[in-house]
Amino acid sequence: MTKITPDDVTKVAKLARLEIPEDKLETYANQLEKILNYVAELEKIDTSNVIPTTRAVEVINMTRDDVVEITEI
């Protein structure tokens, strides 16, 4: 994996319009590199037999009939 540098963090921060203090650039570079290395590890996992899904738990919309009710205010 390519080493993430403080300059890389500065470029990404500029694109995202974020202000990052100079003393945090090295910290963020290390954290970002760890995240990208973890993602690279996840990419090695065979997911060919996994059904694509949008959420971990199926959500069912509960609906009711749209009935007009006359009320007195």
C-alpha atoms as a PDB file:
ATOM      1  CA  MET A   1       0.000   0.000   0.000  1.00  0.00           C
ATOM      2  CA  THR A   2       1.196   3.501  -0.755  1.00  0.00           C
ATOM      3  CA  LYS A   3       2.295   5.603   2.190  1.00  0.00           C
ATOM      4  CA  ILE A   4      -0.156   8.426   2.954  1.00  0.00           C
ATOM      5  CA  THR A   5       1.710  11.662   3.542  1.00  0.00           C
ATOM      6  CA  PRO A   6       0.702  14.858   5.317  1.00  0.00           C
ATOM      7  CA  ASP A   7       0.659  16.461   1.847  1.00  0.00           C
ATOM      8  CA  ASP A   8      -1.976  13.921   0.779  1.00  0.00           C
ATOM      9  CA  VAL A   9      -4.064  14.848   3.808  1.00  0.00           C
ATOM     10  CA  THR A  10      -3.693  18.527   2.952  1.00  0.00           C
ATOM     11  CA  LYS A  11      -4.873  17.894  -0.632  1.00  0.00           C
ATOM     12  CA  VAL A  12      -7.907  15.892   0.489  1.00  0.00           C
ATOM     13  CA  ALA A  13      -8.742  18.470   3.156  1.00  0.00           C
ATOM     14  CA  LYS A  14      -8.597  21.227   0.560  1.00  0.00           C
ATOM     15  CA  LEU A  15     -10.938  19.285  -1.750  1.00  0.00           C
ATOM     16  CA  ALA A  16     -13.322  18.749   1.170  1.00  0.00           C
ATOM     17  CA  ARG A  17     -12.918  22.390   2.234  1.00  0.00           C
ATOM     18  CA  LEU A  18     -11.697  21.373   5.674  1.00  0.00           C
ATOM     19  CA  GLU A  19      -9.230  23.270   7.774  1.00  0.00           C
ATOM     20  CA  ILE A  20      -6.791  20.921   9.465  1.00  0.00           C
ATOM     21  CA  PRO A  21      -4.223  22.253  11.930  1.00  0.00           C
ATOM     22  CA  GLU A  22      -0.626  21.698  10.852  1.00  0.00           C
ATOM     23  CA  ASP A  23       0.134  19.704  14.012  1.00  0.00           C
ATOM     24  CA  LYS A  24      -2.626  17.177  13.183  1.00  0.00           C
ATOM     25  CA  LEU A  25      -1.537  16.373   9.606  1.00  0.00           C
ATOM     26  CA  GLU A  26       0.830  13.551  10.574  1.00  0.00           C
ATOM     27  CA  THR A  27      -1.765  12.030  12.918  1.00  0.00           C
ATOM     28  CA  TYR A  28      -4.456  12.107  10.255  1.00  0.00           C
ATOM     29  CA  ALA A  29      -2.060  10.706   7.647  1.00  0.00           C
ATOM     30  CA  ASN A  30      -1.333   7.710   9.884  1.00  0.00           C
ATOM     31  CA  GLN A  31      -5.028   7.179  10.652  1.00  0.00           C
ATOM     32  CA  LEU A  32      -6.019   7.430   6.997  1.00  0.00           C
ATOM     33  CA  GLU A  33      -3.301   4.964   6.021  1.00  0.00           C
ATOM     34  CA  LYS A  34      -4.567   2.471   8.628  1.00  0.00           C
ATOM     35  CA  ILE A  35      -8.119   2.836   7.330  1.00  0.00           C
ATOM     36  CA  LEU A  36      -7.054   2.277   3.724  1.00  0.00           C
ATOM     37  CA  ASN A  37      -4.945  -0.739   4.712  1.00  0.00           C
ATOM     38  CA  TYR A  38      -7.963  -2.218   6.491  1.00  0.00           C
ATOM     39  CA  VAL A  39     -10.138  -1.644   3.423  1.00  0.00           C
ATOM     40  CA  ALA A  40      -7.475  -3.408   1.328  1.00  0.00           C
ATOM     41  CA  GLU A  41      -7.705  -6.388   3.702  1.00  0.00           C
ATOM     42  CA  LEU A  42     -11.506  -6.421   3.372  1.00  0.00           C
ATOM     43  CA  GLU A  43     -11.200  -6.437  -0.422  1.00  0.00           C
ATOM     44  CA  LYS A  44      -9.424  -9.817  -0.185  1.00  0.00           C
ATOM     45  CA  ILE A  45     -12.528 -11.473   1.293  1.00  0.00           C
ATOM     46  CA  ASP A  46     -14.530 -13.610  -1.143  1.00  0.00           C
ATOM     47  CA  THR A  47     -18.052 -12.194  -1.160  1.00  0.00           C
ATOM     48  CA  SER A  48     -19.210 -13.879  -4.364  1.00  0.00           C
ATOM     49  CA  ASN A  49     -21.815 -15.929  -2.459  1.00  0.00           C
ATOM     50  CA  VAL A  50     -23.114 -13.026  -0.399  1.00  0.00           C
ATOM     51  CA  ILE A  51     -26.438 -11.550  -1.458  1.00  0.00           C
ATOM     52  CA  PRO A  52     -26.202  -7.764  -1.898  1.00  0.00           C
ATOM     53  CA  THR A  53     -28.273  -5.846   0.630  1.00  0.00           C
ATOM     54  CA  THR A  54     -28.869  -2.245   1.578  1.00  0.00           C
ATOM     55  CA  ARG A  55     -29.205  -2.844   5.341  1.00  0.00           C
ATOM     56  CA  ALA A  56     -28.380  -5.481   7.911  1.00  0.00           C
ATOM     57  CA  VAL A  57     -31.986  -5.801   9.101  1.00  0.00           C
ATOM     58  CA  GLU A  58     -34.901  -5.887   6.685  1.00  0.00           C
ATOM     59  CA  VAL A  59     -37.190  -2.900   7.095  1.00  0.00           C
ATOM     60  CA  ILE A  60     -40.888  -3.129   6.303  1.00  0.00           C
ATOM     61  CA  ASN A  61     -42.829   0.057   5.812  1.00  0.00           C
ATOM     62  CA  MET A  62     -45.972   0.098   7.907  1.00  0.00           C
ATOM     63  CA  THR A  63     -48.707   1.977   6.103  1.00  0.00           C
ATOM     64  CA  ARG A  64     -52.338   2.703   6.748  1.00  0.00           C
ATOM     65  CA  ASP A  65     -55.225   3.639   4.500  1.00  0.00           C
ATOM     66  CA  ASP A  66     -55.426   7.348   3.797  1.00  0.00           C
ATOM     67  CA  VAL A  67     -58.894   8.119   5.123  1.00  0.00           C
ATOM     68  CA  VAL A  68     -60.390  11.583   5.326  1.00  0.00           C
ATOM     69  CA  GLU A  69     -61.877  12.308   8.718  1.00  0.00           C
ATOM     70  CA  ILE A  70     -63.952  15.362   9.500  1.00  0.00           C
ATOM     71  CA  THR A  71     -63.019  16.941  12.801  1.00  0.00           C
ATOM     72  CA  GLU A  72     -64.303  19.989  14.601  1.00  0.00           C
ATOM     73  CA  ILE A  73     -61.722  22.423  15.774  1.00  0.00           C
END
